Each structure stands twice: as structure tokens, then as C-alpha cells.
PDB file of N, CA and C in Angstrom:
ATOM      1  N   MET A   1      17.280  14.034  18.368  1.00  0.00           N
ATOM      2  CA  MET A   1      17.038  12.799  19.063  1.00  0.00           C
ATOM      3  C   MET A   1      17.675  11.646  18.302  1.00  0.00           C
ATOM      4  N   ASN A   2      18.206  10.720  19.034  1.00  0.00           N
ATOM      5  CA  ASN A   2      18.774   9.530  18.421  1.00  0.00           C
ATOM      6  C   ASN A   2      17.874   8.332  18.673  1.00  0.00           C
ATOM      7  N   TYR A   3      17.090   7.989  17.659  1.00  0.00           N
ATOM      8  CA  TYR A   3      16.240   6.806  17.727  1.00  0.00           C
ATOM      9  C   TYR A   3      16.915   5.684  16.943  1.00  0.00           C
ATOM     10  N   PRO A   4      16.714   4.447  17.367  1.00  0.00           N
ATOM     11  CA  PRO A   4      17.160   3.340  16.515  1.00  0.00           C
ATOM     12  C   PRO A   4      16.443   3.447  15.170  1.00  0.00           C
ATOM     13  N   LEU A   5      17.079   2.987  14.111  1.00  0.00           N
ATOM     14  CA  LEU A   5      16.543   3.108  12.763  1.00  0.00           C
ATOM     15  C   LEU A   5      15.130   2.543  12.647  1.00  0.00           C
ATOM     16  N   ALA A   6      14.838   1.414  13.270  1.00  0.00           N
ATOM     17  CA  ALA A   6      13.512   0.802  13.189  1.00  0.00           C
ATOM     18  C   ALA A   6      12.437   1.736  13.741  1.00  0.00           C
ATOM     19  N   ILE A   7      12.742   2.460  14.771  1.00  0.00           N
ATOM     20  CA  ILE A   7      11.772   3.391  15.343  1.00  0.00           C
ATOM     21  C   ILE A   7      11.516   4.537  14.380  1.00  0.00           C
ATOM     22  N   ASP A   8      12.531   5.016  13.698  1.00  0.00           N
ATOM     23  CA  ASP A   8      12.343   6.092  12.735  1.00  0.00           C
ATOM     24  C   ASP A   8      11.392   5.658  11.618  1.00  0.00           C
ATOM     25  N   TYR A   9      11.555   4.440  11.113  1.00  0.00           N
ATOM     26  CA  TYR A   9      10.662   3.962  10.067  1.00  0.00           C
ATOM     27  C   TYR A   9       9.233   3.846  10.585  1.00  0.00           C
ATOM     28  N   ALA A  10       9.051   3.321  11.772  1.00  0.00           N
ATOM     29  CA  ALA A  10       7.718   3.192  12.355  1.00  0.00           C
ATOM     30  C   ALA A  10       7.092   4.567  12.546  1.00  0.00           C
ATOM     31  N   LEU A  11       7.862   5.524  13.012  1.00  0.00           N
ATOM     32  CA  LEU A  11       7.360   6.875  13.218  1.00  0.00           C
ATOM     33  C   LEU A  11       6.934   7.494  11.893  1.00  0.00           C
ATOM     34  N   ILE A  12       7.786   7.394  10.889  1.00  0.00           N
ATOM     35  CA  ILE A  12       7.467   7.942   9.566  1.00  0.00           C
ATOM     36  C   ILE A  12       6.216   7.276   9.002  1.00  0.00           C
ATOM     37  N   PHE A  13       6.147   5.968   9.100  1.00  0.00           N
ATOM     38  CA  PHE A  13       4.995   5.209   8.606  1.00  0.00           C
ATOM     39  C   PHE A  13       3.712   5.674   9.265  1.00  0.00           C
ATOM     40  N   ASN A  14       3.734   5.821  10.568  1.00  0.00           N
ATOM     41  CA  ASN A  14       2.516   6.130  11.313  1.00  0.00           C
ATOM     42  C   ASN A  14       2.060   7.578  11.227  1.00  0.00           C
ATOM     43  N   VAL A  15       2.965   8.513  11.007  1.00  0.00           N
ATOM     44  CA  VAL A  15       2.563   9.919  10.962  1.00  0.00           C
ATOM     45  C   VAL A  15       2.531  10.491   9.550  1.00  0.00           C
ATOM     46  N   SER A  16       2.875   9.674   8.569  1.00  0.00           N
ATOM     47  CA  SER A  16       2.933  10.167   7.197  1.00  0.00           C
ATOM     48  C   SER A  16       1.564  10.581   6.681  1.00  0.00           C
ATOM     49  N   SER A  17       1.549  11.637   5.885  1.00  0.00           N
ATOM     50  CA  SER A  17       0.314  12.052   5.230  1.00  0.00           C
ATOM     51  C   SER A  17       0.094  11.274   3.932  1.00  0.00           C
ATOM     52  N   SER A  18       1.035  10.393   3.581  1.00  0.00           N
ATOM     53  CA  SER A  18       0.895   9.521   2.417  1.00  0.00           C
ATOM     54  C   SER A  18       0.310   8.188   2.859  1.00  0.00           C
ATOM     55  N   ALA A  19      -0.606   7.663   2.082  1.00  0.00           N
ATOM     56  CA  ALA A  19      -1.188   6.359   2.381  1.00  0.00           C
ATOM     57  C   ALA A  19      -0.139   5.283   2.131  1.00  0.00           C
ATOM     58  N   MET A  20       0.140   4.472   3.152  1.00  0.00           N
ATOM     59  CA  MET A  20       1.157   3.432   3.026  1.00  0.00           C
ATOM     60  C   MET A  20       0.651   2.116   3.596  1.00  0.00           C
ATOM     61  N   ALA A  21       1.089   1.040   2.956  1.00  0.00           N
ATOM     62  CA  ALA A  21       0.758  -0.304   3.426  1.00  0.00           C
ATOM     63  C   ALA A  21       1.991  -1.185   3.277  1.00  0.00           C
ATOM     64  N   PHE A  22       2.195  -2.062   4.250  1.00  0.00           N
ATOM     65  CA  PHE A  22       3.211  -3.104   4.150  1.00  0.00           C
ATOM     66  C   PHE A  22       2.480  -4.382   3.773  1.00  0.00           C
ATOM     67  N   THR A  23       2.943  -5.040   2.715  1.00  0.00           N
ATOM     68  CA  THR A  23       2.331  -6.293   2.293  1.00  0.00           C
ATOM     69  C   THR A  23       3.398  -7.362   2.120  1.00  0.00           C
ATOM     70  N   ASP A  24       2.972  -8.600   2.209  1.00  0.00           N
ATOM     71  CA  ASP A  24       3.846  -9.732   1.946  1.00  0.00           C
ATOM     72  C   ASP A  24       3.879  -9.939   0.436  1.00  0.00           C
ATOM     73  N   LEU A  25       5.064  -9.868  -0.168  1.00  0.00           N
ATOM     74  CA  LEU A  25       5.179  -9.949  -1.623  1.00  0.00           C
ATOM     75  C   LEU A  25       4.702 -11.300  -2.146  1.00  0.00           C
ATOM     76  N   GLY A  26       4.961 -12.352  -1.402  1.00  0.00           N
ATOM     77  CA  GLY A  26       4.576 -13.688  -1.851  1.00  0.00           C
ATOM     78  C   GLY A  26       3.077 -13.921  -1.872  1.00  0.00           C
ATOM     79  N   THR A  27       2.395 -13.488  -0.822  1.00  0.00           N
ATOM     80  CA  THR A  27       0.959 -13.764  -0.698  1.00  0.00           C
ATOM     81  C   THR A  27       0.090 -12.556  -1.024  1.00  0.00           C
ATOM     82  N   GLY A  28       0.661 -11.360  -0.962  1.00  0.00           N
ATOM     83  CA  GLY A  28      -0.115 -10.144  -1.163  1.00  0.00           C
ATOM     84  C   GLY A  28      -0.904  -9.732   0.068  1.00  0.00           C
ATOM     85  N   ARG A  29      -0.768 -10.480   1.162  1.00  0.00           N
ATOM     86  CA  ARG A  29      -1.510 -10.177   2.386  1.00  0.00           C
ATOM     87  C   ARG A  29      -0.979  -8.883   3.016  1.00  0.00           C
ATOM     88  N   ILE A  30      -1.897  -8.072   3.508  1.00  0.00           N
ATOM     89  CA  ILE A  30      -1.538  -6.806   4.144  1.00  0.00           C
ATOM     90  C   ILE A  30      -1.054  -7.082   5.566  1.00  0.00           C
ATOM     91  N   LEU A  31       0.143  -6.583   5.864  1.00  0.00           N
ATOM     92  CA  LEU A  31       0.744  -6.746   7.186  1.00  0.00           C
ATOM     93  C   LEU A  31       0.445  -5.559   8.087  1.00  0.00           C
ATOM     94  N   ASP A  32       0.370  -4.370   7.479  1.00  0.00           N
ATOM     95  CA  ASP A  32       0.058  -3.167   8.250  1.00  0.00           C
ATOM     96  C   ASP A  32      -0.315  -2.053   7.283  1.00  0.00           C
ATOM     97  N   VAL A  33      -1.138  -1.139   7.729  1.00  0.00           N
ATOM     98  CA  VAL A  33      -1.474   0.076   6.985  1.00  0.00           C
ATOM     99  C   VAL A  33      -1.413   1.240   7.956  1.00  0.00           C
ATOM    100  N   ASN A  34      -1.109   2.417   7.438  1.00  0.00           N
ATOM    101  CA  ASN A  34      -1.118   3.574   8.322  1.00  0.00           C
ATOM    102  C   ASN A  34      -2.504   4.216   8.325  1.00  0.00           C
ATOM    103  N   ALA A  35      -2.703   5.168   9.199  1.00  0.00           N
ATOM    104  CA  ALA A  35      -4.009   5.810   9.358  1.00  0.00           C
ATOM    105  C   ALA A  35      -4.443   6.514   8.078  1.00  0.00           C
ATOM    106  N   THR A  36      -3.500   7.095   7.349  1.00  0.00           N
ATOM    107  CA  THR A  36      -3.841   7.783   6.103  1.00  0.00           C
ATOM    108  C   THR A  36      -4.383   6.788   5.080  1.00  0.00           C
ATOM    109  N   TRP A  37      -3.788   5.592   5.009  1.00  0.00           N
ATOM    110  CA  TRP A  37      -4.283   4.552   4.099  1.00  0.00           C
ATOM    111  C   TRP A  37      -5.713   4.180   4.486  1.00  0.00           C
ATOM    112  N   ALA A  38      -5.943   3.944   5.765  1.00  0.00           N
ATOM    113  CA  ALA A  38      -7.276   3.551   6.236  1.00  0.00           C
ATOM    114  C   ALA A  38      -8.319   4.624   5.905  1.00  0.00           C
ATOM    115  N   ARG A  39      -7.981   5.882   6.127  1.00  0.00           N
ATOM    116  CA  ARG A  39      -8.905   6.980   5.798  1.00  0.00           C
ATOM    117  C   ARG A  39      -9.126   7.076   4.297  1.00  0.00           C
ATOM    118  N   SER A  40      -8.059   6.991   3.525  1.00  0.00           N
ATOM    119  CA  SER A  40      -8.147   7.154   2.072  1.00  0.00           C
ATOM    120  C   SER A  40      -8.999   6.074   1.421  1.00  0.00           C
ATOM    121  N   PHE A  41      -8.848   4.840   1.871  1.00  0.00           N
ATOM    122  CA  PHE A  41      -9.563   3.732   1.252  1.00  0.00           C
ATOM    123  C   PHE A  41     -10.866   3.396   1.972  1.00  0.00           C
ATOM    124  N   GLY A  42     -11.117   4.050   3.094  1.00  0.00           N
ATOM    125  CA  GLY A  42     -12.354   3.808   3.818  1.00  0.00           C
ATOM    126  C   GLY A  42     -12.425   2.409   4.407  1.00  0.00           C
ATOM    127  N   ILE A  43     -11.269   1.856   4.729  1.00  0.00           N
ATOM    128  CA  ILE A  43     -11.185   0.502   5.279  1.00  0.00           C
ATOM    129  C   ILE A  43     -10.419   0.578   6.596  1.00  0.00           C
ATOM    130  N   ALA A  44     -11.024   0.124   7.660  1.00  0.00           N
ATOM    131  CA  ALA A  44     -10.363   0.142   8.961  1.00  0.00           C
ATOM    132  C   ALA A  44      -9.128  -0.753   8.933  1.00  0.00           C
ATOM    133  N   ARG A  45      -8.108  -0.351   9.651  1.00  0.00           N
ATOM    134  CA  ARG A  45      -6.870  -1.124   9.728  1.00  0.00           C
ATOM    135  C   ARG A  45      -7.158  -2.574  10.096  1.00  0.00           C
ATOM    136  N   GLU A  46      -8.005  -2.772  11.081  1.00  0.00           N
ATOM    137  CA  GLU A  46      -8.315  -4.116  11.556  1.00  0.00           C
ATOM    138  C   GLU A  46      -8.970  -4.961  10.469  1.00  0.00           C
ATOM    139  N   GLN A  47      -9.754  -4.336   9.595  1.00  0.00           N
ATOM    140  CA  GLN A  47     -10.391  -5.049   8.486  1.00  0.00           C
ATOM    141  C   GLN A  47      -9.398  -5.389   7.387  1.00  0.00           C
ATOM    142  N   ALA A  48      -8.362  -4.579   7.236  1.00  0.00           N
ATOM    143  CA  ALA A  48      -7.392  -4.769   6.163  1.00  0.00           C
ATOM    144  C   ALA A  48      -6.348  -5.831   6.490  1.00  0.00           C
ATOM    145  N   LEU A  49      -5.945  -5.917   7.755  1.00  0.00           N
ATOM    146  CA  LEU A  49      -4.864  -6.825   8.129  1.00  0.00           C
ATOM    147  C   LEU A  49      -5.206  -8.270   7.768  1.00  0.00           C
ATOM    148  N   GLY A  50      -4.259  -8.923   7.099  1.00  0.00           N
ATOM    149  CA  GLY A  50      -4.422 -10.324   6.728  1.00  0.00           C
ATOM    150  C   GLY A  50      -5.148 -10.549   5.418  1.00  0.00           C
ATOM    151  N   LYS A  51      -5.713  -9.503   4.853  1.00  0.00           N
ATOM    152  CA  LYS A  51      -6.402  -9.622   3.570  1.00  0.00           C
ATOM    153  C   LYS A  51      -5.495  -9.074   2.473  1.00  0.00           C
ATOM    154  N   THR A  52      -5.858  -9.335   1.239  1.00  0.00           N
ATOM    155  CA  THR A  52      -5.105  -8.765   0.124  1.00  0.00           C
ATOM    156  C   THR A  52      -5.841  -7.524  -0.382  1.00  0.00           C
ATOM    157  N   ALA A  53      -5.095  -6.660  -1.058  1.00  0.00           N
ATOM    158  CA  ALA A  53      -5.714  -5.472  -1.651  1.00  0.00           C
ATOM    159  C   ALA A  53      -6.743  -5.878  -2.699  1.00  0.00           C
ATOM    160  N   LEU A  54      -6.526  -7.024  -3.345  1.00  0.00           N
ATOM    161  CA  LEU A  54      -7.501  -7.513  -4.322  1.00  0.00           C
ATOM    162  C   LEU A  54      -8.795  -7.922  -3.623  1.00  0.00           C
ATOM    163  N   GLU A  55      -8.685  -8.621  -2.493  1.00  0.00           N
ATOM    164  CA  GLU A  55      -9.873  -9.009  -1.724  1.00  0.00           C
ATOM    165  C   GLU A  55     -10.652  -7.790  -1.249  1.00  0.00           C
ATOM    166  N   LEU A  56      -9.936  -6.730  -0.936  1.00  0.00           N
ATOM    167  CA  LEU A  56     -10.561  -5.506  -0.443  1.00  0.00           C
ATOM    168  C   LEU A  56     -11.056  -4.603  -1.569  1.00  0.00           C
ATOM    169  N   GLY A  57     -10.734  -4.955  -2.813  1.00  0.00           N
ATOM    170  CA  GLY A  57     -11.177  -4.162  -3.958  1.00  0.00           C
ATOM    171  C   GLY A  57     -10.415  -2.878  -4.160  1.00  0.00           C
ATOM    172  N   VAL A  58      -9.187  -2.821  -3.681  1.00  0.00           N
ATOM    173  CA  VAL A  58      -8.380  -1.599  -3.781  1.00  0.00           C
ATOM    174  C   VAL A  58      -7.849  -1.393  -5.208  1.00  0.00           C
ATOM    175  N   TRP A  59      -7.426  -2.468  -5.856  1.00  0.00           N
ATOM    176  CA  TRP A  59      -6.913  -2.369  -7.230  1.00  0.00           C
ATOM    177  C   TRP A  59      -8.076  -2.466  -8.199  1.00  0.00           C
ATOM    178  N   GLN A  60      -8.188  -1.498  -9.105  1.00  0.00           N
ATOM    179  CA  GLN A  60      -9.239  -1.532 -10.121  1.00  0.00           C
ATOM    180  C   GLN A  60      -8.947  -2.623 -11.143  1.00  0.00           C
ATOM    181  N   ASP A  61      -7.677  -2.841 -11.430  1.00  0.00           N
ATOM    182  CA  ASP A  61      -7.272  -3.770 -12.477  1.00  0.00           C
ATOM    183  C   ASP A  61      -6.290  -4.794 -11.906  1.00  0.00           C
ATOM    184  N   VAL A  62      -6.690  -6.048 -11.861  1.00  0.00           N
ATOM    185  CA  VAL A  62      -5.842  -7.116 -11.324  1.00  0.00           C
ATOM    186  C   VAL A  62      -4.545  -7.223 -12.110  1.00  0.00           C
ATOM    187  N   ALA A  63      -4.603  -7.054 -13.421  1.00  0.00           N
ATOM    188  CA  ALA A  63      -3.408  -7.144 -14.262  1.00  0.00           C
ATOM    189  C   ALA A  63      -2.388  -6.063 -13.899  1.00  0.00           C
ATOM    190  N   ALA A  64      -2.861  -4.884 -13.494  1.00  0.00           N
ATOM    191  CA  ALA A  64      -1.950  -3.808 -13.102  1.00  0.00           C
ATOM    192  C   ALA A  64      -1.187  -4.189 -11.837  1.00  0.00           C
ATOM    193  N   ARG A  65      -1.871  -4.827 -10.883  1.00  0.00           N
ATOM    194  CA  ARG A  65      -1.186  -5.270  -9.671  1.00  0.00           C
ATOM    195  C   ARG A  65      -0.155  -6.342 -10.006  1.00  0.00           C
ATOM    196  N   GLN A  66      -0.516  -7.258 -10.879  1.00  0.00           N
ATOM    197  CA  GLN A  66       0.422  -8.299 -11.286  1.00  0.00           C
ATOM    198  C   GLN A  66       1.653  -7.693 -11.968  1.00  0.00           C
ATOM    199  N   ALA A  67       1.431  -6.682 -12.799  1.00  0.00           N
ATOM    200  CA  ALA A  67       2.541  -6.000 -13.457  1.00  0.00           C
ATOM    201  C   ALA A  67       3.434  -5.300 -12.439  1.00  0.00           C
ATOM    202  N   CYS A  68       2.821  -4.670 -11.449  1.00  0.00           N
ATOM    203  CA  CYS A  68       3.573  -3.966 -10.404  1.00  0.00           C
ATOM    204  C   CYS A  68       4.432  -4.943  -9.594  1.00  0.00           C
ATOM    205  N   THR A  69       3.845  -6.067  -9.185  1.00  0.00           N
ATOM    206  CA  THR A  69       4.613  -7.033  -8.400  1.00  0.00           C
ATOM    207  C   THR A  69       5.698  -7.697  -9.251  1.00  0.00           C
ATOM    208  N   HIS A  70       5.441  -7.845 -10.544  1.00  0.00           N
ATOM    209  CA  HIS A  70       6.469  -8.394 -11.440  1.00  0.00           C
ATOM    210  C   HIS A  70       7.683  -7.457 -11.497  1.00  0.00           C
ATOM    211  N   VAL A  71       7.426  -6.171 -11.624  1.00  0.00           N
ATOM    212  CA  VAL A  71       8.514  -5.183 -11.640  1.00  0.00           C
ATOM    213  C   VAL A  71       9.287  -5.244 -10.325  1.00  0.00           C
ATOM    214  N   LEU A  72       8.582  -5.319  -9.208  1.00  0.00           N
ATOM    215  CA  LEU A  72       9.227  -5.377  -7.901  1.00  0.00           C
ATOM    216  C   LEU A  72      10.100  -6.625  -7.765  1.00  0.00           C
ATOM    217  N   ARG A  73       9.570  -7.770  -8.177  1.00  0.00           N
ATOM    218  CA  ARG A  73      10.348  -9.017  -8.096  1.00  0.00           C
ATOM    219  C   ARG A  73      11.563  -8.990  -9.024  1.00  0.00           C
ATOM    220  N   THR A  74      11.390  -8.427 -10.198  1.00  0.00           N
ATOM    221  CA  THR A  74      12.454  -8.415 -11.204  1.00  0.00           C
ATOM    222  C   THR A  74      13.550  -7.409 -10.881  1.00  0.00           C
ATOM    223  N   HIS A  75      13.169  -6.219 -10.452  1.00  0.00           N
ATOM    224  CA  HIS A  75      14.124  -5.128 -10.266  1.00  0.00           C
ATOM    225  C   HIS A  75      14.394  -4.775  -8.805  1.00  0.00           C
ATOM    226  N   GLY A  76      13.613  -5.327  -7.886  1.00  0.00           N
ATOM    227  CA  GLY A  76      13.808  -5.036  -6.473  1.00  0.00           C
ATOM    228  C   GLY A  76      13.257  -3.694  -6.034  1.00  0.00           C
ATOM    229  N   LYS A  77      12.631  -2.978  -6.954  1.00  0.00           N
ATOM    230  CA  LYS A  77      12.028  -1.681  -6.630  1.00  0.00           C
ATOM    231  C   LYS A  77      10.995  -1.344  -7.696  1.00  0.00           C
ATOM    232  N   VAL A  78      10.116  -0.426  -7.343  1.00  0.00           N
ATOM    233  CA  VAL A  78       9.109   0.072  -8.275  1.00  0.00           C
ATOM    234  C   VAL A  78       9.238   1.580  -8.301  1.00  0.00           C
ATOM    235  N   HIS A  79       9.352   2.138  -9.496  1.00  0.00           N
ATOM    236  CA  HIS A  79       9.509   3.586  -9.634  1.00  0.00           C
ATOM    237  C   HIS A  79       8.670   4.048 -10.820  1.00  0.00           C
ATOM    238  N   ASN A  80       7.902   5.109 -10.610  1.00  0.00           N
ATOM    239  CA  ASN A  80       7.061   5.698 -11.659  1.00  0.00           C
ATOM    240  C   ASN A  80       6.092   4.695 -12.264  1.00  0.00           C
ATOM    241  N   PHE A  81       5.434   3.926 -11.427  1.00  0.00           N
ATOM    242  CA  PHE A  81       4.412   2.978 -11.873  1.00  0.00           C
ATOM    243  C   PHE A  81       3.053   3.546 -11.510  1.00  0.00           C
ATOM    244  N   GLU A  82       2.230   3.783 -12.497  1.00  0.00           N
ATOM    245  CA  GLU A  82       0.907   4.338 -12.234  1.00  0.00           C
ATOM    246  C   GLU A  82      -0.145   3.242 -12.288  1.00  0.00           C
ATOM    247  N   ALA A  83      -1.098   3.326 -11.366  1.00  0.00           N
ATOM    248  CA  ALA A  83      -2.203   2.373 -11.324  1.00  0.00           C
ATOM    249  C   ALA A  83      -3.438   3.068 -10.791  1.00  0.00           C
ATOM    250  N   ASN A  84      -4.596   2.599 -11.205  1.00  0.00           N
ATOM    251  CA  ASN A  84      -5.853   3.128 -10.691  1.00  0.00           C
ATOM    252  C   ASN A  84      -6.259   2.327  -9.470  1.00  0.00           C
ATOM    253  N   LEU A  85      -6.423   3.030  -8.363  1.00  0.00           N
ATOM    254  CA  LEU A  85      -6.836   2.417  -7.108  1.00  0.00           C
ATOM    255  C   LEU A  85      -8.213   2.945  -6.738  1.00  0.00           C
ATOM    256  N   VAL A  86      -9.033   2.097  -6.137  1.00  0.00           N
ATOM    257  CA  VAL A  86     -10.405   2.455  -5.802  1.00  0.00           C
ATOM    258  C   VAL A  86     -10.472   2.889  -4.346  1.00  0.00           C
ATOM    259  N   LEU A  87     -10.849   4.134  -4.125  1.00  0.00           N
ATOM    260  CA  LEU A  87     -11.001   4.650  -2.774  1.00  0.00           C
ATOM    261  C   LEU A  87     -12.384   4.300  -2.262  1.00  0.00           C
ATOM    262  N   GLY A  88     -12.518   4.224  -0.960  1.00  0.00           N
ATOM    263  CA  GLY A  88     -13.782   3.826  -0.337  1.00  0.00           C
ATOM    264  C   GLY A  88     -15.026   4.446  -0.938  1.00  0.00           C
ATOM    265  N   THR A  89     -15.221   5.734  -0.773  1.00  0.00           N
ATOM    266  CA  THR A  89     -16.427   6.390  -1.280  1.00  0.00           C
ATOM    267  C   THR A  89     -16.085   7.471  -2.293  1.00  0.00           C
ATOM    268  N   ALA A  90     -14.817   7.593  -2.609  1.00  0.00           N
ATOM    269  CA  ALA A  90     -14.375   8.645  -3.526  1.00  0.00           C
ATOM    270  C   ALA A  90     -14.141   8.054  -4.914  1.00  0.00           C
ATOM    271  N   PRO A  91     -13.904   8.906  -5.881  1.00  0.00           N
ATOM    272  CA  PRO A  91     -13.607   8.400  -7.223  1.00  0.00           C
ATOM    273  C   PRO A  91     -12.276   7.651  -7.242  1.00  0.00           C
ATOM    274  N   ILE A  92     -11.995   7.038  -8.358  1.00  0.00           N
ATOM    275  CA  ILE A  92     -10.761   6.272  -8.534  1.00  0.00           C
ATOM    276  C   ILE A  92      -9.558   7.208  -8.475  1.00  0.00           C
ATOM    277  N   LEU A  93      -8.523   6.757  -7.810  1.00  0.00           N
ATOM    278  CA  LEU A  93      -7.287   7.511  -7.643  1.00  0.00           C
ATOM    279  C   LEU A  93      -6.208   6.889  -8.516  1.00  0.00           C
ATOM    280  N   THR A  94      -5.528   7.707  -9.314  1.00  0.00           N
ATOM    281  CA  THR A  94      -4.361   7.227 -10.036  1.00  0.00           C
ATOM    282  C   THR A  94      -3.171   7.442  -9.131  1.00  0.00           C
ATOM    283  N   SER A  95      -2.503   6.358  -8.797  1.00  0.00           N
ATOM    284  CA  SER A  95      -1.414   6.397  -7.834  1.00  0.00           C
ATOM    285  C   SER A  95      -0.101   6.003  -8.494  1.00  0.00           C
ATOM    286  N   SER A  96       0.977   6.619  -8.036  1.00  0.00           N
ATOM    287  CA  SER A  96       2.309   6.257  -8.492  1.00  0.00           C
ATOM    288  C   SER A  96       3.048   5.608  -7.356  1.00  0.00           C
ATOM    289  N   ALA A  97       3.668   4.464  -7.638  1.00  0.00           N
ATOM    290  CA  ALA A  97       4.429   3.756  -6.622  1.00  0.00           C
ATOM    291  C   ALA A  97       5.899   4.128  -6.735  1.00  0.00           C
ATOM    292  N   HIS A  98       6.511   4.404  -5.628  1.00  0.00           N
ATOM    293  CA  HIS A  98       7.938   4.731  -5.573  1.00  0.00           C
ATOM    294  C   HIS A  98       8.559   3.931  -4.450  1.00  0.00           C
ATOM    295  N   ARG A  99       9.779   3.535  -4.633  1.00  0.00           N
ATOM    296  CA  ARG A  99      10.532   2.866  -3.568  1.00  0.00           C
ATOM    297  C   ARG A  99      11.922   3.430  -3.557  1.00  0.00           C
TER     298      ARG A  99
END
């Protein structure tokens, strides 16, 4: 099938078994999350939109998020960055960010 590139990204985002979120780098506000993210963090998509991961309590360590966004701003990508994220009712998850 030949889909426009934007549709392929939307399809991958929505059906991925990996938890994914699109955020605004400047404000940290969540623009969209996929179903896997919502299930993993125990936060409904509608509750997450427009809020920051810090407001939602997703990042265990605020300094780690600041370090991650600094790397992204400086290098344009994040690779092999580990951080502890807090799942809804589950134990803390150590996550690696890749771009």
C-alpha cells in the first residue's frame, strides 16, 4: 500500500506496542499519547492532553527530565538516555529514550 508519509507515522504511533507521547519541547505540554502510553501510565489520553509529564507525575526525577530535554535541544536527538518513570499502579519503570 502507498500511504502518504504522515499517515504511516500516525499508523505506527497508534498501533505501536511501545508507549509513545508527542510533547511540545518548549512547554513540555503533551500533544498526543498512544493507547500503550495511556495503559502503561494509567492515565487516560484525554487527561494527559495539554498537561506536562511533570504535572502528571510521570517523571520520578525532575532533574532527569531537564537533562533529557537539554540533550534534545543541544544535539537534536536523544539516544541511550535512561530515566525512571512512574507507572500508574505499577512499580517504577527505567526507560530508555531513542530518536
